[in-house]
Structure formats: structure tokens, C-alpha cells
Protein backbone atom coordinates (compact mmCIF):
# COMPACT_ATOMS: atom_id res chain seq x y z
CA MET A 1 47.22 71.92 121.56
CA THR A 2 47.27 75.37 123.54
CA THR A 3 43.76 77.40 122.86
CA ARG A 4 44.51 81.31 121.93
CA ILE A 5 40.98 82.97 121.97
CA THR A 6 38.20 81.78 123.86
CA CYS A 7 34.53 83.61 123.38
CA HIS A 8 31.59 82.57 125.16
CA GLY A 9 28.25 83.89 125.20
CA ILE A 10 29.29 87.10 123.45
CA THR A 11 26.85 89.93 123.13
CA LYS A 12 27.36 93.25 121.26
CA SER A 13 24.30 96.04 120.82
CA TYR A 14 24.94 99.28 118.53
CA GLY A 15 21.75 101.05 119.68
CA GLU A 16 18.47 98.78 118.73
CA ASN A 17 20.71 97.24 116.43
CA VAL A 18 22.19 93.05 117.62
CA VAL A 19 25.26 92.82 115.50
CA LEU A 20 26.15 89.80 117.95
CA LYS A 21 24.71 87.55 119.92
CA ASP A 22 25.11 84.58 122.48
CA LEU A 23 28.25 83.92 120.04
CA ASP A 24 30.75 80.98 121.21
CA PHE A 25 34.32 81.17 119.53
CA TRP A 26 37.30 79.61 119.91
CA VAL A 27 40.69 79.54 118.07
CA ASP A 28 43.61 77.36 118.60
CA ALA A 29 47.75 78.04 118.03
CA GLY A 30 48.55 77.17 114.53
CA GLU A 31 45.48 77.65 113.27
CA LEU A 32 44.22 79.65 110.21
CA VAL A 33 40.38 80.73 110.64
CA THR A 34 38.13 82.86 108.68
CA LEU A 35 35.15 84.69 109.49
CA VAL A 36 32.30 84.86 106.56
CA SER A 37 29.85 86.77 106.29
CA PRO A 38 27.37 89.32 104.46
CA SER A 39 28.55 92.82 104.63
CA GLY A 40 26.84 93.93 108.52
CA GLY A 41 26.86 90.58 109.64
CA GLY A 42 29.38 91.49 112.79
CA LYS A 43 32.79 90.41 111.03
CA THR A 44 34.70 94.12 112.10
CA THR A 45 32.84 94.26 115.46
CA LEU A 46 34.08 90.63 116.46
CA LEU A 47 37.91 91.59 115.30
CA ASN A 48 37.37 94.62 117.43
CA ILE A 49 36.17 92.91 120.44
CA LEU A 50 39.14 90.46 120.29
CA GLY A 51 41.56 93.04 119.55
CA GLY A 52 40.33 94.78 123.05
CA LEU A 53 39.38 97.94 120.48
CA THR A 54 35.77 97.39 121.59
CA THR A 55 34.23 95.82 125.05
CA ALA A 56 31.37 93.42 124.40
CA ASP A 57 27.71 93.92 126.16
CA GLN A 58 28.04 90.50 127.51
CA GLY A 59 30.03 87.64 127.85
CA VAL A 60 33.41 86.42 128.71
CA VAL A 61 36.75 87.40 126.04
CA GLU A 62 40.11 85.08 126.64
CA VAL A 63 43.02 86.32 124.68
CA THR A 64 46.29 84.52 125.13
CA GLY A 65 45.05 84.02 128.66
CA GLN A 66 43.74 87.21 129.41
CA ASP A 67 40.21 88.20 130.36
CA LEU A 68 39.82 91.02 128.61
CA SER A 69 37.45 92.32 130.83
CA GLN A 70 39.65 92.28 133.56
CA LEU A 71 42.21 94.40 131.77
CA ASP A 72 41.50 98.46 131.35
CA GLU A 73 42.78 100.68 128.66
CA ASP A 74 46.40 100.30 129.02
CA GLY A 75 46.05 96.35 129.66
CA ARG A 76 44.90 95.67 126.79
CA ALA A 77 47.16 98.28 124.46
CA GLY A 78 49.83 96.59 125.50
CA LEU A 79 48.45 93.05 124.91
CA ARG A 80 48.22 94.61 121.22
CA ARG A 81 51.56 96.30 121.45
CA HIS A 82 53.35 92.57 122.42
CA ALA A 83 50.83 89.81 121.83
CA ILE A 84 48.09 90.93 118.84
CA GLY A 85 48.44 91.95 115.58
CA ILE A 86 45.77 93.42 113.71
CA VAL A 87 45.09 95.02 110.19
CA HIS A 88 42.21 96.83 109.77
CA GLN A 89 40.68 97.92 106.09
CA SER A 90 42.15 101.56 107.34
CA SER A 91 45.72 101.53 107.06
CA TYR A 92 46.50 103.71 110.49
CA LEU A 93 49.77 104.57 109.27
CA PHE A 94 52.26 107.67 109.89
CA PRO A 95 51.78 109.33 106.46
CA TRP A 96 54.87 111.45 106.79
CA LEU A 97 57.28 108.60 107.21
CA SER A 98 57.83 106.23 104.43
CA VAL A 99 57.51 102.78 104.64
CA ASN A 100 60.52 101.60 106.08
CA GLU A 101 60.18 104.16 108.70
CA ASN A 102 56.86 102.98 109.49
CA LEU A 103 58.07 99.26 109.42
CA GLU A 104 61.00 100.00 111.73
CA ILE A 105 58.51 101.28 114.41
CA ALA A 106 56.07 99.39 114.59
CA PRO A 107 55.31 97.39 117.88
CA GLY A 108 57.26 94.45 118.29
CA SER A 109 59.85 95.46 115.50
CA ARG A 110 63.19 93.86 114.99
CA ALA A 111 65.18 92.09 112.77
CA PRO A 112 63.19 90.49 110.00
CA ALA A 113 63.36 86.68 110.21
CA PRO A 114 64.41 84.95 107.21
CA TRP A 115 60.55 83.76 105.98
CA LEU A 116 59.92 87.27 106.42
CA ALA A 117 62.09 88.28 103.98
CA GLU A 118 60.91 86.54 101.76
CA VAL A 119 57.74 87.90 101.98
CA ARG A 120 58.49 91.77 101.99
CA ARG A 121 60.41 90.40 98.68
CA ASN A 122 56.85 88.25 97.37
CA LEU A 123 54.81 91.49 98.50
CA GLY A 124 57.49 94.11 96.25
CA ILE A 125 58.00 96.13 99.29
CA ASP A 126 61.28 97.51 98.32
CA GLU A 127 59.86 98.75 95.26
CA PHE A 128 58.26 101.30 96.78
CA HIS A 129 60.22 101.34 100.23
CA ASP A 130 61.47 104.98 100.91
CA THR A 131 58.07 106.45 99.76
CA ALA A 132 56.06 108.77 102.16
CA ILE A 133 53.22 106.56 103.14
CA ASN A 134 50.93 109.49 101.86
CA ARG A 135 52.13 108.99 98.32
CA LEU A 136 51.28 104.89 98.00
CA SER A 137 48.22 103.68 96.69
CA GLY A 138 45.59 102.06 98.49
CA GLY A 139 46.85 98.36 97.75
CA GLN A 140 50.20 99.26 98.86
CA ARG A 141 49.56 100.62 101.75
CA ARG A 142 47.60 97.19 102.42
CA ARG A 143 50.80 95.24 101.85
CA VAL A 144 52.92 97.58 104.12
CA CYS A 145 50.19 96.94 106.86
CA ILE A 146 50.34 93.18 106.35
CA LEU A 147 53.81 93.30 106.54
CA ARG A 148 53.93 95.49 109.41
CA ALA A 149 51.52 93.16 111.67
CA LEU A 150 53.47 89.61 110.64
CA GLN A 151 56.90 90.62 111.54
CA MET A 152 55.24 91.32 115.30
CA GLU A 153 55.31 87.06 115.42
CA ALA A 154 52.51 87.83 117.68
CA GLU A 155 50.65 85.23 119.63
CA VAL A 156 47.32 85.94 117.49
CA LEU A 157 46.95 88.25 114.43
CA LEU A 158 43.61 89.74 113.52
CA LEU A 159 43.15 90.43 109.42
CA ASP A 160 39.60 92.53 108.27
CA GLU A 161 39.77 91.91 104.64
CA PRO A 162 43.74 91.87 104.07
CA THR A 163 43.22 90.75 100.45
CA THR A 164 40.81 93.32 99.22
CA GLY A 165 42.08 95.33 96.42
CA LEU A 166 45.15 93.47 95.71
CA ASP A 167 45.71 91.16 92.60
CA ASP A 168 45.71 87.68 92.41
CA HIS A 169 49.47 87.14 92.75
CA LEU A 170 49.62 89.40 95.51
CA ALA A 171 46.53 88.11 97.42
CA SER A 172 48.04 84.31 96.98
CA CYS A 173 51.69 85.67 98.64
CA VAL A 174 49.37 86.84 101.51
CA ARG A 175 47.46 83.99 102.03
CA ARG A 176 50.65 81.78 102.10
CA ALA A 177 52.26 84.31 104.66
CA LEU A 178 49.12 83.61 107.11
CA ARG A 179 49.31 79.98 106.60
CA ASP A 180 53.25 80.20 107.34
CA LEU A 181 52.91 82.81 110.28
CA ALA A 182 50.09 79.79 111.38
CA ASP A 183 52.38 77.05 111.16
CA ARG A 184 54.90 78.88 113.58
CA GLY A 185 52.38 78.48 116.13
CA CYS A 186 50.49 81.80 115.84
CA ALA A 187 46.46 81.77 116.22
CA VAL A 188 45.35 83.87 112.79
CA VAL A 189 41.35 85.32 112.23
CA VAL A 190 40.69 86.31 108.85
CA ALA A 191 37.13 88.19 108.14
CA THR A 192 36.92 87.84 104.63
CA HIS A 193 34.38 88.15 101.87
CA GLU A 194 36.61 86.36 99.62
CA GLU A 195 35.97 82.42 98.32
CA ALA A 196 39.64 81.75 97.93
CA THR A 197 40.75 83.33 101.20
CA ALA A 198 37.96 81.49 103.25
CA ALA A 199 39.10 78.46 101.55
CA ALA A 200 42.62 78.31 102.35
CA ALA A 201 41.83 78.45 106.19
CA ASP A 202 41.68 75.47 108.46
CA ARG A 203 38.17 76.44 109.20
CA ALA A 204 35.61 79.22 107.40
CA VAL A 205 33.30 79.81 110.57
CA ALA A 206 29.93 81.44 108.93
CA LEU A 207 28.54 84.43 110.99
CA ARG A 208 25.03 83.57 110.48
CA GLY A 209 22.08 85.67 111.23
CA ARG A 210 24.01 87.87 113.65
CA ARG A 211 23.01 85.22 116.41
CA THR A 212 25.47 82.17 116.32
CA ILE A 213 28.44 80.88 114.47
CA LEU A 214 28.61 77.54 112.74
């Protein structure tokens, strides 16, 4: 089994607020892992460290075989274009472009695989595919962000509360899509507070006391 993510001794503080301390964490290819904690427990911070969007104060972070501490910003950005997909709580879409246009210029865009075409149908994207992003609801934007990340078919996919704001049917579609992606060899990490999403994972990992992962 190939390990896609390895963290050892990760510590991260903001001023006097210690968010993560001496944290060890790993995810293998083909594994779907959820991060659970109370609000402010460090889930988003950990995802940002794994995605190279912020750096740990201490410790070693390796993603797809790359030591992130040895990469400059261009190197980390290159990983996000080719190997790491990220779905933030904010959409980070081009608001003046249509849904289809956003999907076409996304990192790693290619002709969608058959399974992705099914995901697109299940998420109802075609109902508003020609609509500008700034005219969509929050839930519709989230669906677009998820599909955009999935179509990269990256080695690692990081998602921050991907099912928030979605009804039960759509949330179930997202969970199935993430399972399918993991089964194709992706290492999927999902920060969530929703029990159904946590239960769908191979491992639900608890951040407790901001000090360790159990």
C-alpha cells in the first residue's frame, strides 16, 4: 500500500493559540479518512498544511512523496495544480464565469470520465451549467467546487465540510463520489462535523485536545 500523506510531530500555533501539537497522521492511497473535532479543533488548519497553503511551525509533512518544507511557494502551487485537489468552505470560483467555464479551466481539466459524468448528473449540475457563479446559491456553488476537484482525479483530495448546506440526497451523492474516488487510488481526507459523512470513511480520526490524533 502506498502512503500518500505522512505527518510527524506537527505543531501549529497562531500567536499564543496552539491549534495542533505533536501530531502524527497518515493516509494511504485508496483510503477515505475523515477528521472530526469540535469547532476550532484544528481540522481546517491541518487541511491547509496538507495542501501547502500554510506551513507547520514544527514537524515533517510529506504529500505524494514530497517534503512540503523543502518546496517553495511555486513548488507547492505546482502540487495543487497536478496532485492535490482542495475543496474549501469558501468557493474560490470565478464569479463572472459560468459553471461550465469554471469547470473547463480548473486545474487538471480533461474530458470527464464516465463515472464523473454520472456524478455530474447526480449533483444536478446540468440544471444550471450555463449560469454565472455569482447567480448561484451557496449549495449550488459547493456542488460545483466538489465536481471541479473530483475531475482532477488527483492523488490526494482534501475537503473541508463538503456536505454542509446540501440536502440528504445530494450529501449522499457526494459521499458515494468520494468513495468511488478513493477506490480509484486517491487518498481522500474530509473535515466534517456530520455523523453520516464520518461514518462513511475507512477511518474517522478525532482531533482531541488539539494535541494528538486518536
